[in-house]
Each structure stands twice: as structure tokens, then as C-alpha cells.
Amino acid sequence: MNHQLSTIHPDARIAEGVIIDPFVYVAADVEIGEGTHLYPGSVVLDGARIGRNCRIHSGAVIAGEPQDLKFKGEVTTAIIGDNTIIRESATVNRGTASKGTTEVGSNCLIMAYTHIAHDCEVGDNVIISNASQIAGEVRIDHHAVIGGGSLIHQFCHIGSHVMMQGGSLVNKDVPPYIVCARNPISYAGINVVGLRRRGFTSDQIAMLQEIYRIIFSSDLNTTDAIRAVENSVPESEFRTNVLEFVRNSHRGILKGNNY
């Protein structure tokens, strides 16, 4: 249902059951899945690919041009998965030639005034709280929760099931399953509450606590800490996730809680 006070390009590909309120702008190279609702004053620009049953609130801008001086007008996209909510005045820029797309997964909540810059990868079931600013080419894995007003430096990687304190200044990679807080940003324990809510067992949580005790509290360098974890903690999916994250970190991981 398109409101007569909205501007909808005739080439836009809009599925059945999409609700478009007054004063919405939809450009030509746009795809919107069934059941999605565009609230008054939202803007959907060329390159937007919005899934089913999403809610794009007033003032939000999807697929704006990247804020990157290297951008030369190349054809790129901004993808929003199914059942994702984009709240008031949030912005999701489209990609650049670097990766070609910015992607926000399904079942996410992107709160008001959040900015997700070019070429970011945001997984499923992620919550990014009000006024957080996510720089270019940041990766945020599934089930992460970013506290309000956080600033995440370009190229950082935030692991799955992370709980980040509001107002965090992040310039290092944050491994999965942990709480991070303080200034400078540092390890503050396992995300016990979040993990229990998602079905992790007490034994799995205890194993993660032991892994991170070795990594952050044993006075070993990263290489030796990885070797110590491999020698003392039984192999599992979760051990593999942590060690691969640490090994593959390009910016280095955040400091331990004794920093």
C-alpha cells in the first residue's frame, strides 16, 4: 500500500503487502520484501535490498552513498535481512569497491541515530543501541549486543555473543562470548547471562571461562596462550571459535581485565 504523498520510483521492486507511509522516498534500484513497513519520512536509496517484515522508521536512510573519499559512484548495495528493525534517523550506507556491499542480517535491532558505514558486515540477531557509530568495514558477528553511544573503529571485528558496555571506544578486536567494558576497552568476564539465555550449559560456560583465564590472566603472550589452551582445554566448537578468532585478528585483541 503506497501513500499518495510518498515518492516511489516506478522501477522499484516492491513486494505485496509492503506498507509505505506518507513522505517516504524510494529510489529506482531498490528491492523491498513482503510485509515490510516504511514509516513516514524514511528514505530508501539506490542499492537498497530490504528483506521481509522489516520496519524502517522515520528519518532512517538506507543505502546512502558511502562517506568515503575513495568512493567514485560505483554500483554497490546495502542489504537488510528479514525481520530487522531500523529505528529513527539510523543510517546504513551502501558498500564501496572494497567489498561491494554493506550487510545487516536478519532479526536485528538497529536503534535510533546509529550509523553503519560502508562495507560493514552485521550478523543475525544483533542489537546496536542508540547513537552508536560503526565505522567502515567493521564486522559484528551474530548475537552481539553493542551498548549505546559506542564508537567502533574501522576494520574492527566484534565476535559473536559479545556484550559491550555503553559508551565504549573500540579500536581492537573483541573475541566471542565475553563482556567488554572500561576505558581503554578491556575484557570484563564471560557474557554469562546472555549465554544462558541462548541455551549454553554450565559446563560450556565454565570451559569458556577457563579459555579466557589462560588468554587474559596467565601472563603468556598470545602464541603461548593459544598453545596452553590447546594443551589444557578439550577440543570443542567453542574452543575452535575462540582460538581461530584470536589467531586471525588483524588489529589485535583487547586487553585483559588486569590491564
Protein backbone atom coordinates (compact mmCIF):
# COMPACT_ATOMS: atom_id res chain seq x y z
CA MET A 1 0.00 0.00 0.00
CA ASN A 2 1.71 3.17 -1.25
CA HIS A 3 0.59 6.51 0.16
CA GLN A 4 -0.11 9.22 -2.40
CA LEU A 5 2.15 11.66 -0.54
CA SER A 6 5.18 9.40 -0.97
CA THR A 7 7.61 9.37 -3.90
CA ILE A 8 8.11 5.84 -5.24
CA HIS A 9 10.13 5.29 -8.39
CA PRO A 10 8.18 3.08 -10.83
CA ASP A 11 11.20 0.79 -11.29
CA ALA A 12 11.44 -0.05 -7.58
CA ARG A 13 10.69 -3.72 -6.92
CA ILE A 14 8.22 -3.74 -4.05
CA ALA A 15 6.56 -6.96 -2.92
CA GLU A 16 2.94 -7.47 -1.95
CA GLY A 17 1.91 -6.29 1.49
CA VAL A 18 4.54 -3.57 1.87
CA ILE A 19 3.21 -0.56 3.79
CA ILE A 20 4.55 2.82 2.70
CA ASP A 21 3.50 5.79 4.82
CA PRO A 22 3.40 9.47 3.76
CA PHE A 23 6.57 11.36 2.79
CA VAL A 24 8.65 8.24 2.12
CA TYR A 25 11.17 8.32 -0.73
CA VAL A 26 12.04 5.09 -2.61
CA ALA A 27 14.58 5.21 -5.47
CA ALA A 28 14.69 3.09 -8.62
CA ASP A 29 17.25 0.39 -7.82
CA VAL A 30 15.51 -0.88 -4.70
CA GLU A 31 14.05 -4.22 -3.61
CA ILE A 32 11.67 -4.47 -0.64
CA GLY A 33 10.32 -7.78 0.66
CA GLU A 34 6.73 -8.54 1.58
CA GLY A 35 5.34 -7.30 4.86
CA THR A 36 7.91 -4.55 5.36
CA HIS A 37 6.71 -1.19 6.72
CA LEU A 38 8.33 2.12 5.74
CA TYR A 39 7.38 4.78 8.29
CA PRO A 40 6.83 8.49 7.46
CA GLY A 41 9.93 10.29 6.25
CA SER A 42 12.12 7.24 5.73
CA VAL A 43 14.45 7.23 2.71
CA VAL A 44 15.43 4.16 0.68
CA LEU A 45 18.05 4.90 -1.96
CA ASP A 46 19.57 3.07 -4.94
CA GLY A 47 21.21 -0.18 -3.95
CA ALA A 48 18.89 -0.98 -1.04
CA ARG A 49 17.86 -4.61 -0.68
CA ILE A 50 15.41 -4.89 2.21
CA GLY A 51 14.04 -8.25 3.32
CA ARG A 52 10.63 -9.34 4.56
CA ASN A 53 8.77 -7.99 7.58
CA CYS A 54 11.25 -5.22 8.30
CA ARG A 55 10.38 -1.90 9.91
CA ILE A 56 12.20 1.21 8.68
CA HIS A 57 11.31 4.09 10.99
CA SER A 58 11.05 7.83 10.40
CA GLY A 59 14.20 9.59 9.27
CA ALA A 60 16.15 6.40 8.63
CA VAL A 61 18.22 6.35 5.44
CA ILE A 62 19.07 3.03 3.80
CA ALA A 63 21.79 2.81 1.11
CA GLY A 64 23.08 6.36 1.31
CA GLU A 65 26.36 6.95 -0.52
CA PRO A 66 29.45 5.95 1.47
CA GLN A 67 31.21 8.65 3.47
CA ASP A 68 34.50 7.65 1.87
CA LEU A 69 36.56 9.88 -0.41
CA LYS A 70 37.64 6.83 -2.42
CA PHE A 71 34.05 6.21 -3.49
CA LYS A 72 33.65 7.01 -7.20
CA GLY A 73 29.97 6.29 -7.71
CA GLU A 74 30.34 2.55 -8.32
CA VAL A 75 27.20 0.42 -8.21
CA THR A 76 27.00 -1.17 -4.76
CA THR A 77 24.34 -2.35 -2.33
CA ALA A 78 23.09 -2.20 1.25
CA ILE A 79 21.34 -5.41 2.31
CA ILE A 80 18.92 -5.65 5.23
CA GLY A 81 17.81 -9.16 6.27
CA ASP A 82 14.33 -10.32 7.25
CA ASN A 83 12.54 -9.13 10.40
CA THR A 84 15.06 -6.39 11.10
CA ILE A 85 14.07 -3.10 12.73
CA ILE A 86 15.83 0.15 11.81
CA ARG A 87 14.80 2.88 14.25
CA GLU A 88 14.54 6.66 13.86
CA SER A 89 17.31 8.52 11.99
CA ALA A 90 19.60 5.49 11.76
CA THR A 91 21.75 5.31 8.61
CA VAL A 92 23.06 2.30 6.71
CA ASN A 93 25.44 3.33 3.92
CA ARG A 94 25.97 1.13 0.89
CA GLY A 95 29.28 -0.50 0.05
CA THR A 96 32.30 0.66 -1.92
CA ALA A 97 34.56 -1.08 -4.42
CA SER A 98 36.30 -2.66 -1.42
CA LYS A 99 33.56 -5.23 -0.77
CA GLY A 100 30.63 -4.02 -2.84
CA THR A 101 28.02 -4.26 -0.11
CA THR A 102 27.07 -3.37 3.42
CA GLU A 103 25.06 -6.10 5.08
CA VAL A 104 22.83 -6.16 8.15
CA GLY A 105 21.46 -9.61 8.99
CA SER A 106 18.03 -10.87 9.99
CA ASN A 107 16.25 -10.29 13.30
CA CYS A 108 18.44 -7.31 14.18
CA LEU A 109 17.52 -4.18 16.11
CA ILE A 110 19.37 -1.07 14.97
CA MET A 111 18.34 1.67 17.37
CA ALA A 112 17.90 5.41 16.78
CA TYR A 113 20.76 7.56 15.46
CA THR A 114 23.03 4.60 14.85
CA HIS A 115 25.36 4.80 11.84
CA ILE A 116 26.54 1.70 9.98
CA ALA A 117 29.20 2.72 7.48
CA HIS A 118 30.24 1.29 4.12
CA ASP A 119 31.15 -2.39 3.74
CA CYS A 120 30.20 -3.40 7.27
CA GLU A 121 29.03 -6.95 7.97
CA VAL A 122 26.47 -7.26 10.78
CA GLY A 123 25.29 -10.78 11.61
CA ASP A 124 21.87 -12.07 12.65
CA ASN A 125 20.19 -11.23 15.98
CA VAL A 126 22.50 -8.27 16.63
CA ILE A 127 21.40 -5.32 18.77
CA ILE A 128 23.12 -1.96 18.23
CA SER A 129 21.88 0.55 20.79
CA ASN A 130 21.14 4.24 20.35
CA ALA A 131 23.68 6.61 18.80
CA SER A 132 26.39 4.01 18.24
CA GLN A 133 28.74 4.76 15.36
CA ILE A 134 30.13 1.84 13.37
CA ALA A 135 32.99 2.79 11.03
CA GLY A 136 33.72 1.29 7.64
CA GLU A 137 34.44 -2.42 7.14
CA VAL A 138 33.62 -3.40 10.71
CA ARG A 139 32.38 -6.95 11.24
CA ILE A 140 29.89 -7.71 14.05
CA ASP A 141 29.04 -11.39 14.47
CA HIS A 142 25.66 -12.86 15.43
CA HIS A 143 24.01 -12.24 18.81
CA ALA A 144 26.37 -9.38 19.72
CA VAL A 145 24.90 -6.51 21.77
CA ILE A 146 26.51 -3.07 21.34
CA GLY A 147 25.79 -0.62 24.16
CA GLY A 148 24.50 2.86 23.39
CA GLY A 149 26.90 5.55 22.24
CA SER A 150 29.69 3.13 21.37
CA LEU A 151 32.30 4.07 18.77
CA ILE A 152 33.86 1.22 16.80
CA HIS A 153 36.99 1.90 14.75
CA GLN A 154 37.19 0.85 11.11
CA PHE A 155 38.20 -2.76 10.37
CA CYS A 156 37.45 -3.97 13.90
CA HIS A 157 35.87 -7.39 14.43
CA ILE A 158 33.33 -7.95 17.21
CA GLY A 159 32.77 -11.64 17.99
CA SER A 160 29.50 -13.48 18.48
CA HIS A 161 27.61 -13.28 21.80
CA VAL A 162 29.60 -10.24 22.94
CA MET A 163 28.04 -7.78 25.38
CA MET A 164 29.61 -4.32 25.03
CA GLN A 165 29.25 -1.59 27.64
CA GLY A 166 27.59 1.63 26.50
CA GLY A 167 29.95 4.43 25.56
CA SER A 168 32.77 2.05 24.61
CA LEU A 169 35.64 3.26 22.44
CA VAL A 170 36.70 0.22 20.45
CA ASN A 171 39.95 0.11 18.48
CA LYS A 172 40.80 -3.58 18.95
CA ASP A 173 39.07 -6.83 18.03
CA VAL A 174 36.70 -8.25 20.66
CA PRO A 175 36.66 -12.07 20.88
CA PRO A 176 33.38 -14.01 21.15
CA TYR A 177 31.33 -14.84 24.27
CA ILE A 178 32.66 -12.06 26.50
CA VAL A 179 31.65 -8.83 28.22
CA CYS A 180 33.87 -5.85 27.36
CA ALA A 181 33.91 -2.57 29.25
CA ARG A 182 36.10 0.16 30.78
CA ASN A 183 38.38 2.72 29.14
CA PRO A 184 40.53 1.61 27.43
CA ILE A 185 38.20 -1.18 26.36
CA SER A 186 39.12 -4.46 28.05
CA TYR A 187 37.90 -7.94 28.94
CA ALA A 188 35.38 -7.93 31.81
CA GLY A 189 34.39 -11.58 32.02
CA ILE A 190 32.20 -14.07 30.18
CA ASN A 191 28.75 -12.98 28.99
CA VAL A 192 27.17 -15.48 31.37
CA VAL A 193 23.65 -14.02 31.33
CA GLY A 194 23.48 -13.80 27.55
CA LEU A 195 24.91 -17.27 27.05
CA ARG A 196 22.47 -18.85 29.48
CA ARG A 197 19.57 -17.15 27.73
CA ARG A 198 20.75 -18.71 24.47
CA GLY A 199 20.97 -22.22 25.86
CA PHE A 200 24.65 -22.59 26.76
CA THR A 201 25.22 -25.15 29.51
CA SER A 202 27.11 -24.54 32.75
CA ASP A 203 29.92 -26.81 31.51
CA GLN A 204 30.26 -24.84 28.28
CA ILE A 205 30.36 -21.54 30.16
CA ALA A 206 32.97 -22.93 32.59
CA MET A 207 35.07 -24.05 29.63
CA LEU A 208 34.94 -20.56 28.11
CA GLN A 209 35.92 -19.05 31.45
CA GLU A 210 38.98 -21.33 31.56
CA ILE A 211 39.95 -20.45 27.99
CA TYR A 212 39.82 -16.74 28.69
CA ARG A 213 41.55 -17.14 32.06
CA ILE A 214 44.52 -18.54 30.15
CA ILE A 215 44.38 -15.91 27.41
CA PHE A 216 43.96 -12.87 29.65
CA SER A 217 45.26 -13.77 33.13
CA SER A 218 48.20 -16.15 32.67
CA ASP A 219 50.87 -13.58 31.68
CA LEU A 220 51.51 -15.56 28.49
CA ASN A 221 51.91 -13.92 25.11
CA THR A 222 49.22 -14.68 22.55
CA THR A 223 51.09 -17.52 20.84
CA ASP A 224 51.92 -19.25 24.11
CA ALA A 225 48.39 -18.70 25.45
CA ILE A 226 46.89 -20.38 22.37
CA ARG A 227 49.24 -23.32 22.84
CA ALA A 228 48.33 -23.56 26.53
CA VAL A 229 44.59 -23.58 25.71
CA GLU A 230 45.13 -26.34 23.15
CA ASN A 231 47.05 -28.40 25.71
CA SER A 232 44.67 -27.97 28.65
CA VAL A 233 41.13 -27.42 27.30
CA PRO A 234 39.36 -30.26 25.44
CA GLU A 235 38.66 -29.63 21.78
CA SER A 236 35.17 -28.26 21.03
CA GLU A 237 33.34 -25.95 18.67
CA PHE A 238 33.63 -23.10 21.18
CA ARG A 239 37.36 -23.58 21.76
CA THR A 240 37.86 -23.55 17.99
CA ASN A 241 35.81 -20.36 17.61
CA VAL A 242 37.86 -18.52 20.22
CA LEU A 243 41.27 -19.66 19.02
CA GLU A 244 40.53 -19.00 15.35
CA PHE A 245 39.28 -15.53 16.24
CA VAL A 246 42.45 -14.73 18.18
CA ARG A 247 44.76 -16.20 15.53
CA ASN A 248 43.05 -14.31 12.71
CA SER A 249 42.80 -10.94 14.46
CA HIS A 250 44.36 -8.23 12.28
CA ARG A 251 44.09 -5.40 14.78
CA GLY A 252 44.94 -7.48 17.84
CA ILE A 253 42.50 -8.32 20.60
CA LEU A 254 41.54 -6.08 23.51
CA LYS A 255 43.43 -6.11 26.82
CA GLY A 256 42.72 -8.36 29.78
CA ASN A 257 40.92 -7.35 32.97
CA ASN A 258 44.19 -6.81 34.81
CA TYR A 259 45.30 -4.13 32.36
